[in-house]
Amino acid sequence: MFIVVYEFEIKEGTETVFRESWLEVTKAIYKHCGSFGSRLHQSDVAHFFVGYAQWPSREQWEKDHVITDELYKVSRQKMRDCLLESKVVYKLEVCDDFLR
């Protein structure tokens, strides 16, 4: 299993739109790209969120995924409009697992 950890810094006052958009984007990636889904966490630092997405493999994550779903496109743009910065913090291969 392959995990990608993201950090998002969002504009003040955009938390609700960001979280709603993130969920729609995540649902579309799950449905159309073969991910196992994702979790979003609010940091103890104001306006910072950390998300991690699970994939069956690095190769599946790296594939060119074309999503034509209109809700995805609108949500992706809304999400981007909330961002000050977005970055991949870690790319991880699971080596031991006891998450239940």
N, C-alpha and C. Protein backbone atom coordinates (compact mmCIF):
# COMPACT_ATOMS: atom_id res chain seq x y z
N MET A 1 0.84 -1.17 0.00
CA MET A 1 0.00 0.00 0.00
C MET A 1 0.89 1.24 0.00
N PHE A 2 0.41 2.28 -0.67
CA PHE A 2 1.16 3.52 -0.84
C PHE A 2 0.35 4.66 -0.22
N ILE A 3 1.02 5.52 0.53
CA ILE A 3 0.38 6.63 1.21
C ILE A 3 1.02 7.94 0.77
N VAL A 4 0.21 8.95 0.53
CA VAL A 4 0.71 10.28 0.22
C VAL A 4 0.15 11.24 1.28
N VAL A 5 1.05 12.02 1.88
CA VAL A 5 0.65 12.98 2.91
C VAL A 5 0.78 14.38 2.32
N TYR A 6 -0.30 15.14 2.45
CA TYR A 6 -0.37 16.50 1.91
C TYR A 6 -0.51 17.51 3.04
N GLU A 7 -0.01 18.71 2.81
CA GLU A 7 -0.24 19.83 3.72
C GLU A 7 -0.91 20.94 2.93
N PHE A 8 -1.97 21.49 3.52
CA PHE A 8 -2.72 22.57 2.88
C PHE A 8 -2.74 23.78 3.81
N GLU A 9 -2.36 24.92 3.28
CA GLU A 9 -2.56 26.17 3.99
C GLU A 9 -3.67 26.92 3.26
N ILE A 10 -4.73 27.25 3.99
CA ILE A 10 -5.87 27.88 3.33
C ILE A 10 -6.04 29.32 3.77
N LYS A 11 -6.77 30.05 2.94
CA LYS A 11 -7.06 31.45 3.24
C LYS A 11 -8.04 31.53 4.42
N GLU A 12 -7.87 32.53 5.23
CA GLU A 12 -8.77 32.74 6.36
C GLU A 12 -10.21 32.87 5.85
N GLY A 13 -11.13 32.22 6.55
CA GLY A 13 -12.55 32.31 6.20
C GLY A 13 -13.01 31.34 5.13
N THR A 14 -12.13 30.44 4.68
CA THR A 14 -12.50 29.51 3.60
C THR A 14 -12.63 28.06 4.07
N GLU A 15 -12.60 27.83 5.37
CA GLU A 15 -12.56 26.46 5.89
C GLU A 15 -13.74 25.61 5.40
N THR A 16 -14.94 26.12 5.48
CA THR A 16 -16.12 25.33 5.08
C THR A 16 -16.06 24.97 3.61
N VAL A 17 -15.78 25.94 2.77
CA VAL A 17 -15.71 25.68 1.32
C VAL A 17 -14.57 24.71 1.02
N PHE A 18 -13.43 24.90 1.67
CA PHE A 18 -12.29 24.00 1.44
C PHE A 18 -12.66 22.57 1.81
N ARG A 19 -13.23 22.37 2.99
CA ARG A 19 -13.55 21.01 3.45
C ARG A 19 -14.60 20.36 2.58
N GLU A 20 -15.63 21.10 2.18
CA GLU A 20 -16.66 20.54 1.30
C GLU A 20 -16.07 20.18 -0.06
N SER A 21 -15.24 21.04 -0.60
CA SER A 21 -14.61 20.80 -1.91
C SER A 21 -13.65 19.64 -1.83
N TRP A 22 -12.85 19.59 -0.76
CA TRP A 22 -11.91 18.48 -0.58
C TRP A 22 -12.66 17.15 -0.60
N LEU A 23 -13.80 17.08 0.07
CA LEU A 23 -14.57 15.84 0.11
C LEU A 23 -15.04 15.43 -1.28
N GLU A 24 -15.56 16.37 -2.06
CA GLU A 24 -16.03 16.03 -3.42
C GLU A 24 -14.88 15.61 -4.32
N VAL A 25 -13.75 16.29 -4.21
CA VAL A 25 -12.56 15.91 -4.99
C VAL A 25 -12.11 14.51 -4.60
N THR A 26 -12.08 14.24 -3.32
CA THR A 26 -11.66 12.93 -2.82
C THR A 26 -12.59 11.82 -3.29
N LYS A 27 -13.90 12.08 -3.25
CA LYS A 27 -14.88 11.09 -3.73
C LYS A 27 -14.66 10.76 -5.21
N ALA A 28 -14.39 11.78 -6.01
CA ALA A 28 -14.18 11.56 -7.44
C ALA A 28 -12.89 10.77 -7.69
N ILE A 29 -11.84 11.09 -6.96
CA ILE A 29 -10.58 10.35 -7.12
C ILE A 29 -10.78 8.89 -6.72
N TYR A 30 -11.51 8.67 -5.65
CA TYR A 30 -11.83 7.30 -5.21
C TYR A 30 -12.60 6.55 -6.30
N LYS A 31 -13.62 7.21 -6.85
CA LYS A 31 -14.49 6.58 -7.84
C LYS A 31 -13.80 6.33 -9.18
N HIS A 32 -13.01 7.28 -9.63
CA HIS A 32 -12.47 7.23 -11.00
C HIS A 32 -11.01 6.83 -11.11
N CYS A 33 -10.26 6.87 -10.00
CA CYS A 33 -8.81 6.70 -10.11
C CYS A 33 -8.27 5.50 -9.34
N GLY A 34 -9.09 4.83 -8.58
CA GLY A 34 -8.64 3.63 -7.89
C GLY A 34 -7.95 3.85 -6.57
N SER A 35 -8.15 5.02 -5.95
CA SER A 35 -7.58 5.22 -4.63
C SER A 35 -8.42 4.47 -3.60
N PHE A 36 -7.89 4.35 -2.40
CA PHE A 36 -8.63 3.75 -1.29
C PHE A 36 -9.33 4.82 -0.45
N GLY A 37 -9.18 6.08 -0.85
CA GLY A 37 -9.78 7.18 -0.11
C GLY A 37 -8.73 8.00 0.61
N SER A 38 -9.22 8.93 1.42
CA SER A 38 -8.33 9.88 2.06
C SER A 38 -8.96 10.37 3.36
N ARG A 39 -8.13 10.92 4.22
CA ARG A 39 -8.59 11.56 5.45
C ARG A 39 -7.99 12.95 5.51
N LEU A 40 -8.78 13.86 6.04
CA LEU A 40 -8.33 15.24 6.22
C LEU A 40 -8.32 15.55 7.70
N HIS A 41 -7.25 16.18 8.16
CA HIS A 41 -7.09 16.52 9.57
C HIS A 41 -6.86 18.01 9.71
N GLN A 42 -7.50 18.61 10.69
CA GLN A 42 -7.25 20.01 10.99
C GLN A 42 -6.07 20.09 11.94
N SER A 43 -5.11 20.88 11.60
CA SER A 43 -3.91 21.06 12.41
C SER A 43 -4.22 21.95 13.61
N ASP A 44 -3.34 21.93 14.59
CA ASP A 44 -3.48 22.87 15.69
C ASP A 44 -2.91 24.25 15.31
N VAL A 45 -2.38 24.35 14.11
CA VAL A 45 -1.93 25.63 13.56
C VAL A 45 -3.08 26.19 12.71
N ALA A 46 -3.48 27.40 12.99
CA ALA A 46 -4.62 28.00 12.28
C ALA A 46 -4.44 27.95 10.77
N HIS A 47 -5.48 27.55 10.08
CA HIS A 47 -5.55 27.55 8.61
C HIS A 47 -4.68 26.49 7.95
N PHE A 48 -4.23 25.50 8.71
CA PHE A 48 -3.44 24.40 8.15
C PHE A 48 -4.20 23.09 8.31
N PHE A 49 -4.23 22.32 7.23
CA PHE A 49 -4.82 20.99 7.23
C PHE A 49 -3.79 20.00 6.71
N VAL A 50 -3.90 18.77 7.18
CA VAL A 50 -3.06 17.68 6.70
C VAL A 50 -3.99 16.59 6.21
N GLY A 51 -3.71 16.11 5.01
CA GLY A 51 -4.50 15.03 4.44
C GLY A 51 -3.59 13.89 4.05
N TYR A 52 -4.13 12.68 4.14
CA TYR A 52 -3.37 11.57 3.59
C TYR A 52 -4.30 10.68 2.78
N ALA A 53 -3.77 10.22 1.69
CA ALA A 53 -4.52 9.38 0.76
C ALA A 53 -3.84 8.02 0.66
N GLN A 54 -4.67 6.98 0.61
CA GLN A 54 -4.15 5.62 0.47
C GLN A 54 -4.41 5.13 -0.95
N TRP A 55 -3.41 4.46 -1.48
CA TRP A 55 -3.47 3.90 -2.83
C TRP A 55 -2.98 2.46 -2.79
N PRO A 56 -3.42 1.65 -3.73
CA PRO A 56 -2.93 0.27 -3.76
C PRO A 56 -1.43 0.19 -4.07
N SER A 57 -0.93 1.19 -4.81
CA SER A 57 0.49 1.19 -5.19
C SER A 57 0.91 2.59 -5.63
N ARG A 58 2.21 2.82 -5.62
CA ARG A 58 2.75 4.08 -6.15
C ARG A 58 2.39 4.22 -7.62
N GLU A 59 2.44 3.12 -8.35
CA GLU A 59 2.13 3.16 -9.78
C GLU A 59 0.70 3.64 -10.03
N GLN A 60 -0.23 3.18 -9.22
CA GLN A 60 -1.63 3.62 -9.38
C GLN A 60 -1.76 5.11 -9.11
N TRP A 61 -1.06 5.61 -8.09
CA TRP A 61 -1.08 7.03 -7.77
C TRP A 61 -0.47 7.87 -8.88
N GLU A 62 0.62 7.37 -9.50
CA GLU A 62 1.35 8.12 -10.51
C GLU A 62 0.69 8.13 -11.89
N LYS A 63 -0.27 7.25 -12.13
CA LYS A 63 -0.93 7.19 -13.43
C LYS A 63 -1.54 8.54 -13.79
N ASP A 64 -1.60 8.80 -15.11
CA ASP A 64 -2.34 9.97 -15.57
C ASP A 64 -3.82 9.67 -15.43
N HIS A 65 -4.48 10.37 -14.53
CA HIS A 65 -5.90 10.17 -14.30
C HIS A 65 -6.65 11.35 -14.90
N VAL A 66 -7.57 11.06 -15.80
CA VAL A 66 -8.40 12.10 -16.40
C VAL A 66 -9.80 11.94 -15.83
N ILE A 67 -10.24 12.96 -15.10
CA ILE A 67 -11.58 12.94 -14.52
C ILE A 67 -12.40 14.02 -15.22
N THR A 68 -13.46 13.60 -15.88
CA THR A 68 -14.28 14.54 -16.65
C THR A 68 -15.56 14.95 -15.91
N ASP A 69 -15.79 14.38 -14.74
CA ASP A 69 -16.96 14.68 -13.93
C ASP A 69 -17.04 16.17 -13.63
N GLU A 70 -18.17 16.79 -13.92
CA GLU A 70 -18.32 18.24 -13.75
C GLU A 70 -18.24 18.67 -12.29
N LEU A 71 -18.83 17.89 -11.38
CA LEU A 71 -18.75 18.24 -9.96
C LEU A 71 -17.30 18.23 -9.49
N TYR A 72 -16.51 17.28 -9.98
CA TYR A 72 -15.09 17.24 -9.65
C TYR A 72 -14.39 18.52 -10.11
N LYS A 73 -14.65 18.91 -11.35
CA LYS A 73 -13.98 20.09 -11.90
C LYS A 73 -14.33 21.35 -11.09
N VAL A 74 -15.59 21.52 -10.77
CA VAL A 74 -16.03 22.69 -10.01
C VAL A 74 -15.43 22.64 -8.60
N SER A 75 -15.49 21.47 -7.96
CA SER A 75 -14.97 21.33 -6.61
C SER A 75 -13.46 21.53 -6.57
N ARG A 76 -12.77 21.02 -7.56
CA ARG A 76 -11.30 21.18 -7.62
C ARG A 76 -10.94 22.66 -7.70
N GLN A 77 -11.69 23.42 -8.52
CA GLN A 77 -11.40 24.85 -8.63
C GLN A 77 -11.73 25.58 -7.34
N LYS A 78 -12.84 25.23 -6.69
CA LYS A 78 -13.18 25.85 -5.41
C LYS A 78 -12.09 25.57 -4.38
N MET A 79 -11.63 24.32 -4.36
CA MET A 79 -10.58 23.95 -3.42
C MET A 79 -9.32 24.78 -3.69
N ARG A 80 -8.93 24.87 -4.94
CA ARG A 80 -7.74 25.66 -5.30
C ARG A 80 -7.89 27.12 -4.92
N ASP A 81 -9.10 27.65 -5.07
CA ASP A 81 -9.34 29.06 -4.73
C ASP A 81 -9.17 29.33 -3.23
N CYS A 82 -9.28 28.30 -2.41
CA CYS A 82 -9.11 28.44 -0.96
C CYS A 82 -7.65 28.39 -0.53
N LEU A 83 -6.80 27.88 -1.38
CA LEU A 83 -5.42 27.59 -0.99
C LEU A 83 -4.48 28.78 -1.04
N LEU A 84 -3.63 28.86 -0.04
CA LEU A 84 -2.44 29.70 -0.10
C LEU A 84 -1.26 28.85 -0.57
N GLU A 85 -1.24 27.59 -0.10
CA GLU A 85 -0.18 26.67 -0.48
C GLU A 85 -0.67 25.24 -0.30
N SER A 86 -0.20 24.37 -1.18
CA SER A 86 -0.49 22.94 -1.09
C SER A 86 0.78 22.21 -1.48
N LYS A 87 1.13 21.20 -0.69
CA LYS A 87 2.34 20.46 -1.05
C LYS A 87 2.25 19.02 -0.57
N VAL A 88 2.98 18.16 -1.28
CA VAL A 88 3.15 16.79 -0.86
C VAL A 88 4.28 16.78 0.15
N VAL A 89 3.99 16.30 1.35
CA VAL A 89 4.99 16.29 2.42
C VAL A 89 5.75 14.97 2.43
N TYR A 90 5.02 13.86 2.25
CA TYR A 90 5.65 12.54 2.25
C TYR A 90 4.99 11.65 1.21
N LYS A 91 5.79 10.75 0.65
CA LYS A 91 5.34 9.62 -0.16
C LYS A 91 5.86 8.39 0.56
N LEU A 92 4.94 7.53 1.01
CA LEU A 92 5.30 6.46 1.93
C LEU A 92 4.83 5.09 1.45
N GLU A 93 5.67 4.10 1.60
CA GLU A 93 5.30 2.70 1.40
C GLU A 93 5.02 2.11 2.77
N VAL A 94 3.89 1.43 2.92
CA VAL A 94 3.57 0.79 4.19
C VAL A 94 4.50 -0.41 4.36
N CYS A 95 5.18 -0.47 5.50
CA CYS A 95 6.07 -1.60 5.76
C CYS A 95 5.54 -2.49 6.89
N ASP A 96 4.82 -1.92 7.84
CA ASP A 96 4.18 -2.65 8.92
C ASP A 96 2.84 -1.98 9.16
N ASP A 97 1.82 -2.79 9.48
CA ASP A 97 0.47 -2.21 9.57
C ASP A 97 -0.31 -2.86 10.71
N PHE A 98 -0.75 -2.03 11.65
CA PHE A 98 -1.67 -2.50 12.67
C PHE A 98 -2.73 -1.42 12.91
N LEU A 99 -3.19 -0.77 11.85
CA LEU A 99 -4.25 0.20 11.93
C LEU A 99 -5.57 -0.54 11.79
N ARG A 100 -6.44 -0.39 12.75
CA ARG A 100 -7.72 -1.10 12.73
C ARG A 100 -8.87 -0.16 12.82
